[in-house]
Protein backbone atom coordinates (compact mmCIF):
# COMPACT_ATOMS: atom_id res chain seq x y z
CA UNK A 1 0.00 0.00 0.00
CA UNK A 2 2.77 2.40 0.93
CA UNK A 3 4.60 1.70 -2.33
CA UNK A 4 1.44 2.38 -4.36
CA UNK A 5 0.81 5.65 -2.52
CA UNK A 6 4.39 6.71 -3.13
CA UNK A 7 4.02 5.97 -6.86
CA UNK A 8 0.77 7.98 -7.09
CA UNK A 9 2.37 10.90 -5.24
CA UNK A 10 5.40 10.81 -7.52
CA UNK A 11 3.20 10.82 -10.62
CA UNK A 12 1.17 13.75 -9.24
CA UNK A 13 4.32 15.73 -8.54
CA UNK A 14 5.47 15.14 -12.12
CA UNK A 15 2.14 16.00 -13.77
CA UNK A 16 1.08 18.98 -11.62
CA UNK A 17 3.66 21.49 -12.90
CA UNK A 18 2.43 20.85 -16.44
CA UNK A 19 -1.16 21.79 -15.67
CA UNK A 20 -0.66 24.67 -13.26
CA UNK A 21 1.84 27.39 -12.47
CA UNK A 22 4.11 27.44 -15.54
CA UNK A 23 4.47 30.78 -17.33
CA UNK A 24 6.91 33.41 -18.58
CA UNK A 25 6.65 37.21 -18.50
CA UNK A 26 6.86 38.57 -22.04
CA UNK A 27 6.76 42.30 -21.18
CA UNK A 28 6.32 44.66 -18.24
CA UNK A 29 5.59 48.37 -18.51
CA UNK A 30 4.84 51.15 -16.01
CA UNK A 31 2.99 54.39 -16.75
CA UNK A 32 3.62 56.99 -14.05
CA UNK A 33 0.98 59.66 -13.46
CA UNK A 34 1.41 63.13 -11.97
CA UNK A 35 -0.47 62.18 -8.78
CA UNK A 36 1.90 59.29 -8.00
CA UNK A 37 -0.31 56.47 -9.26
CA UNK A 38 1.29 53.93 -11.58
CA UNK A 39 -0.40 51.83 -14.24
CA UNK A 40 1.20 48.38 -14.44
CA UNK A 41 0.82 46.30 -17.61
CA UNK A 42 2.18 42.75 -17.87
CA UNK A 43 1.89 40.28 -20.72
CA UNK A 44 2.13 36.65 -19.54
CA UNK A 45 2.73 33.61 -21.75
CA UNK A 46 1.51 30.40 -20.03
CA UNK A 47 3.27 27.17 -20.92
CA UNK A 48 1.46 24.52 -22.93
CA UNK A 49 -1.04 22.31 -21.10
CA UNK A 50 -1.38 24.70 -18.16
CA UNK A 51 -4.86 25.69 -16.98
CA UNK A 52 -3.90 28.25 -14.34
CA UNK A 53 -0.96 30.11 -12.88
CA UNK A 54 -0.23 32.28 -9.84
CA UNK A 55 1.88 35.42 -10.10
CA UNK A 56 3.08 37.92 -7.53
CA UNK A 57 2.00 41.46 -8.45
CA UNK A 58 4.30 44.43 -7.89
CA UNK A 59 1.94 45.90 -5.29
CA UNK A 60 -0.63 44.93 -2.66
CA UNK A 61 -2.83 48.02 -2.99
CA UNK A 62 -4.32 47.32 -6.42
CA UNK A 63 -7.17 49.15 -8.17
CA UNK A 64 -8.93 48.67 -11.52
CA UNK A 65 -7.50 45.17 -12.04
CA UNK A 66 -8.25 43.60 -15.42
CA UNK A 67 -7.15 40.20 -16.73
CA UNK A 68 -7.86 39.57 -20.41
CA UNK A 69 -6.85 37.24 -23.22
CA UNK A 70 -5.44 38.31 -26.58
CA UNK A 71 -8.97 38.99 -27.89
CA UNK A 72 -9.85 41.26 -24.97
CA UNK A 73 -12.09 38.71 -23.25
CA UNK A 74 -12.00 38.80 -19.42
CA UNK A 75 -10.58 35.75 -17.63
CA UNK A 76 -11.57 34.46 -14.16
CA UNK A 77 -9.09 35.09 -11.35
CA UNK A 78 -8.77 35.36 -7.59
CA UNK A 79 -6.59 37.57 -5.37
CA UNK A 80 -4.82 36.59 -2.16
CA UNK A 81 -2.84 39.58 -0.92
CA UNK A 82 -0.48 40.42 -3.80
CA UNK A 83 -0.77 36.93 -5.33
CA UNK A 84 -2.97 36.75 -8.42
CA UNK A 85 -4.22 33.35 -9.65
CA UNK A 86 -5.59 33.26 -13.21
CA UNK A 87 -7.71 30.47 -14.68
CA UNK A 88 -8.00 29.77 -18.40
CA UNK A 89 -8.67 26.98 -20.88
CA UNK A 90 -5.87 27.31 -23.41
CA UNK A 91 -2.26 28.46 -23.33
CA UNK A 92 -2.66 31.99 -24.69
CA UNK A 93 -1.04 35.38 -24.08
CA UNK A 94 -2.68 37.02 -21.08
CA UNK A 95 -2.57 40.73 -20.23
CA UNK A 96 -2.75 41.92 -16.63
CA UNK A 97 -3.39 45.61 -15.96
CA UNK A 98 -3.89 47.48 -12.71
CA UNK A 99 -3.28 50.83 -10.97
CA UNK A 100 -1.39 51.29 -7.70
CA UNK A 101 0.09 54.06 -5.53
CA UNK A 102 2.52 51.62 -3.87
CA UNK A 103 5.37 52.00 -6.35
CA UNK A 104 6.03 55.71 -5.81
CA UNK A 105 7.13 57.88 -2.91
CA UNK A 106 7.76 61.61 -2.53
CA UNK A 107 10.34 63.56 -0.53
CA UNK A 108 10.03 67.31 -0.92
CA UNK A 109 9.72 68.05 -4.63
CA UNK A 110 11.37 64.77 -5.66
CA UNK A 111 9.27 61.75 -6.62
CA UNK A 112 10.75 58.25 -6.84
CA UNK A 113 9.40 55.10 -8.46
CA UNK A 114 10.69 51.79 -7.07
CA UNK A 115 10.28 48.28 -8.48
CA UNK A 116 12.01 44.93 -8.95
CA UNK A 117 11.86 42.85 -12.11
CA UNK A 118 13.61 39.93 -13.79
CA UNK A 119 13.11 41.47 -17.25
CA UNK A 120 13.65 44.99 -18.69
CA UNK A 121 10.88 47.42 -17.74
CA UNK A 122 9.57 50.29 -19.85
CA UNK A 123 8.63 53.36 -17.78
CA UNK A 124 6.60 56.23 -19.24
CA UNK A 125 6.68 59.47 -17.23
CA UNK A 126 4.40 62.53 -17.36
CA UNK A 127 5.33 65.02 -20.08
CA UNK A 128 6.54 67.56 -17.50
CA UNK A 129 8.72 65.08 -15.57
CA UNK A 130 12.48 65.57 -15.41
CA UNK A 131 14.58 62.61 -14.21
CA UNK A 132 17.16 63.66 -11.64
CA UNK A 133 18.62 60.32 -10.52
CA UNK A 134 18.50 56.59 -11.28
CA UNK A 135 20.18 53.41 -10.10
CA UNK A 136 21.26 52.19 -13.57
CA UNK A 137 21.81 53.66 -17.00
CA UNK A 138 18.69 53.07 -19.17
CA UNK A 139 18.91 50.53 -21.97
CA UNK A 140 16.88 52.87 -24.19
CA UNK A 141 15.46 56.40 -24.09
CA UNK A 142 12.53 57.44 -26.27
CA UNK A 143 10.88 60.77 -25.51
CA UNK A 144 9.42 60.60 -22.01
CA UNK A 145 9.89 56.80 -21.84
CA UNK A 146 12.95 54.87 -20.71
CA UNK A 147 13.75 51.15 -20.70
CA UNK A 148 15.41 50.08 -17.43
CA UNK A 149 17.43 46.86 -17.08
CA UNK A 150 16.32 43.99 -14.82
CA UNK A 151 16.94 44.20 -11.07
CA UNK A 152 15.98 46.41 -8.14
CA UNK A 153 15.52 49.85 -9.67
CA UNK A 154 14.74 53.34 -8.40
CA UNK A 155 14.18 56.31 -10.68
CA UNK A 156 13.80 59.79 -9.15
CA UNK A 157 12.15 62.70 -10.94
CA UNK A 158 10.63 66.13 -10.43
CA UNK A 159 7.56 67.62 -12.06
CA UNK A 160 8.15 70.99 -13.73
CA UNK A 161 5.65 73.77 -13.16
CA UNK A 162 2.94 74.11 -15.79
CA UNK A 163 0.54 77.04 -16.30
CA UNK A 164 -3.07 76.46 -15.29
CA UNK A 165 -4.90 74.37 -17.89
CA UNK A 166 -1.80 72.47 -19.07
CA UNK A 167 -1.24 70.14 -16.13
CA UNK A 168 -0.06 66.60 -16.78
CA UNK A 169 -2.88 64.01 -16.61
CA UNK A 170 -3.57 62.15 -13.37
CA UNK A 171 -4.32 58.47 -13.12
CA UNK A 172 -7.82 57.38 -14.24
CA UNK A 173 -10.31 56.64 -11.52
CA UNK A 174 -10.97 53.07 -10.44
CA UNK A 175 -13.55 50.95 -12.21
CA UNK A 176 -11.53 50.63 -15.41
CA UNK A 177 -13.28 48.76 -18.19
CA UNK A 178 -11.80 45.83 -20.07
CA UNK A 179 -9.18 46.79 -22.64
CA UNK A 180 -7.64 44.95 -25.57
CA UNK A 181 -3.97 44.09 -26.12
CA UNK A 182 -3.42 46.83 -28.68
CA UNK A 183 -5.66 49.47 -27.14
CA UNK A 184 -4.20 52.90 -26.45
CA UNK A 185 -5.54 56.04 -24.82
CA UNK A 186 -6.10 58.56 -27.62
CA UNK A 187 -6.43 61.52 -25.28
CA UNK A 188 -3.18 60.65 -23.52
CA UNK A 189 -1.38 60.18 -26.83
CA UNK A 190 -2.74 63.44 -28.16
CA UNK A 191 -1.70 65.23 -24.99
CA UNK A 192 1.79 63.77 -25.27
CA UNK A 193 2.15 64.81 -28.91
CA UNK A 194 0.84 68.27 -28.21
CA UNK A 195 3.15 68.66 -25.21
CA UNK A 196 6.15 67.46 -27.23
CA UNK A 197 5.29 69.91 -29.98
CA UNK A 198 4.93 72.75 -27.48
CA UNK A 199 8.22 71.80 -25.79
CA UNK A 200 10.07 71.71 -29.13
CA UNK A 201 8.55 75.02 -30.17
CA UNK A 202 9.57 76.56 -26.83
CA UNK A 203 13.16 75.34 -27.25
CA UNK A 204 13.30 76.78 -30.78
CA UNK A 205 11.94 80.11 -29.56
CA UNK A 206 14.57 80.35 -26.83
CA UNK A 207 17.26 79.43 -29.36
CA UNK A 208 16.13 82.21 -31.68
CA UNK A 209 16.07 84.69 -28.81
CA UNK A 210 19.64 83.69 -27.91
CA UNK A 211 20.82 84.10 -31.51
CA UNK A 212 19.16 87.50 -31.90
CA UNK A 213 20.63 88.64 -28.58
CA UNK A 214 24.15 87.64 -29.63
CA UNK A 215 23.74 89.37 -32.98
CA UNK A 216 22.55 92.54 -31.28
CA UNK A 217 25.44 92.49 -28.84
CA UNK A 218 27.92 91.83 -31.63
CA UNK A 219 26.55 94.75 -33.66
CA UNK A 220 26.88 97.06 -30.65
CA UNK A 221 30.34 95.85 -29.77
CA UNK A 222 29.04 94.54 -26.45
CA UNK A 223 30.63 91.09 -26.48
CA UNK A 224 32.93 90.33 -23.57
CA UNK A 225 35.91 88.12 -24.42
CA UNK A 226 37.58 85.70 -22.04
CA UNK A 227 40.87 83.97 -22.71
CA UNK A 228 41.30 80.47 -21.27
CA UNK A 229 44.02 78.00 -22.24
CA UNK A 230 45.01 79.96 -25.33
CA UNK A 231 41.44 79.96 -26.71
CA UNK A 232 39.29 83.05 -27.05
CA UNK A 233 35.59 82.59 -26.28
CA UNK A 234 32.78 85.10 -26.64
CA UNK A 235 30.45 85.48 -23.66
CA UNK A 236 27.48 87.69 -24.41
CA UNK A 237 26.79 88.83 -20.82
CA UNK A 238 28.66 89.56 -17.61
CA UNK A 239 28.98 86.97 -14.86
CA UNK A 240 26.61 88.99 -12.68
CA UNK A 241 23.96 89.06 -15.40
CA UNK A 242 24.53 85.36 -16.01
CA UNK A 243 23.97 84.52 -12.33
CA UNK A 244 20.83 86.65 -12.39
CA UNK A 245 19.53 84.74 -15.41
CA UNK A 246 20.16 81.39 -13.71
CA UNK A 247 17.79 82.39 -10.91
CA UNK A 248 14.94 82.26 -13.44
CA UNK A 249 15.36 78.47 -13.59
CA UNK A 250 14.72 75.85 -10.91
CA UNK A 251 18.29 74.60 -10.71
CA UNK A 252 19.99 72.40 -8.14
CA UNK A 253 23.21 73.59 -6.52
CA UNK A 254 25.24 71.18 -8.67
CA UNK A 255 23.57 72.42 -11.85
CA UNK A 256 24.26 76.05 -10.93
CA UNK A 257 27.90 75.26 -10.09
CA UNK A 258 28.32 73.41 -13.39
CA UNK A 259 26.94 76.32 -15.42
CA UNK A 260 29.10 78.88 -13.60
CA UNK A 261 32.12 76.61 -14.11
CA UNK A 262 31.42 76.58 -17.86
CA UNK A 263 30.98 80.36 -17.88
CA UNK A 264 34.33 80.92 -16.15
CA UNK A 265 36.03 78.75 -18.75
CA UNK A 266 34.80 80.65 -21.74
CA UNK A 267 31.54 78.76 -22.21
CA UNK A 268 32.59 75.15 -22.62
CA UNK A 269 34.56 72.34 -20.98
CA UNK A 270 34.92 68.56 -20.99
CA UNK A 271 31.99 66.79 -19.37
CA UNK A 272 34.37 64.65 -17.30
CA UNK A 273 36.13 67.79 -16.07
CA UNK A 274 32.85 69.29 -14.83
CA UNK A 275 31.84 66.00 -13.22
CA UNK A 276 35.16 65.70 -11.37
CA UNK A 277 34.82 69.29 -10.15
CA UNK A 278 31.39 68.48 -8.69
CA UNK A 279 32.45 65.06 -7.38
CA UNK A 280 29.33 63.26 -8.63
CA UNK A 281 28.87 59.81 -10.28
CA UNK A 282 28.80 59.43 -14.06
CA UNK A 283 25.12 58.52 -14.22
CA UNK A 284 24.15 61.49 -12.05
CA UNK A 285 26.21 63.84 -14.24
CA UNK A 286 24.72 62.33 -17.38
CA UNK A 287 21.17 62.93 -16.15
CA UNK A 288 22.06 66.45 -15.01
CA UNK A 289 23.36 67.46 -18.44
CA UNK A 290 20.34 65.83 -20.07
CA UNK A 291 18.10 68.06 -17.95
CA UNK A 292 20.16 71.19 -18.67
CA UNK A 293 20.17 70.41 -22.39
CA UNK A 294 16.40 69.89 -22.33
CA UNK A 295 16.02 73.37 -20.82
CA UNK A 296 18.17 74.84 -23.57
CA UNK A 297 20.98 75.90 -21.23
CA UNK A 298 23.76 73.69 -22.62
CA UNK A 299 24.70 71.64 -25.65
CA UNK A 300 26.43 68.27 -25.26
CA UNK A 301 28.58 67.08 -28.16
CA UNK A 302 31.49 64.75 -28.93
CA UNK A 303 35.01 65.97 -29.69
CA UNK A 304 37.93 63.56 -30.12
CA UNK A 305 36.06 60.71 -28.40
CA UNK A 306 35.21 62.89 -25.40
CA UNK A 307 31.94 64.50 -24.39
CA UNK A 308 32.01 68.28 -24.18
CA UNK A 309 29.45 70.65 -22.71
CA UNK A 310 28.88 74.13 -24.12
CA UNK A 311 26.71 76.95 -22.80
CA UNK A 312 23.80 78.08 -24.96
CA UNK A 313 23.23 81.67 -23.89
């Protein structure tokens, strides 16, 4: 009797994994909203012959949970804490979507999004978000989206001020309806495109203002020249005026020091030189110059295999 029971148990242990619990995560994406909520979207591929699987969600506080197949049909599921168990008939791609406030935290003006994943994660930020720090260098950057490598990740960002009526969208309210695999939010997309267009137009306007200012100063003989290392650089304003102009921007102390350092050296310097002067890590310096370049304050370019930073007055 004992030998028969042992055989049955052994067979059950062999068969059970093939009918329940086997899956792989095809993709994972996070959409961060201005109010701190995050939309999580996962695409799961169950193994053949499985009829259910259990997966640990990224958060416990979950709202607007939807579980659908590739045709947008809802699938039965049950929740136990942060463990989601999904039941289905065939091995098909399954999309899990939910909203949560658990992945973000705020300290002062700085927001941070934290998560852990075994695969790369795409994060889409609000249009007015500026990343100020991250644990790893992104695998890919595309507009206001970045692709972070696997592991325990933290990305910190600030939300730039927007005039009334142009605020970044907040997370949708709970009670989300079923969505399909390829569905997108037209209003969000339109807002993103419009914001990108406005941002590009604003950068072009500031560039034109800078060019016209330099031309006017050159015509009036008002350019101040500084000689550094045998090179002569034209600086269109005095240091005092430059410091006054910097106060118009919401700059960190490191950003202000970096810009003044560039000014004192005729308007440009090696990126590594500025980073060493500040004593900050490479990734932090890289994000800082990305932010300054986005605001139209500097231009980053390559020269003899080295990155240089130049003021754009």
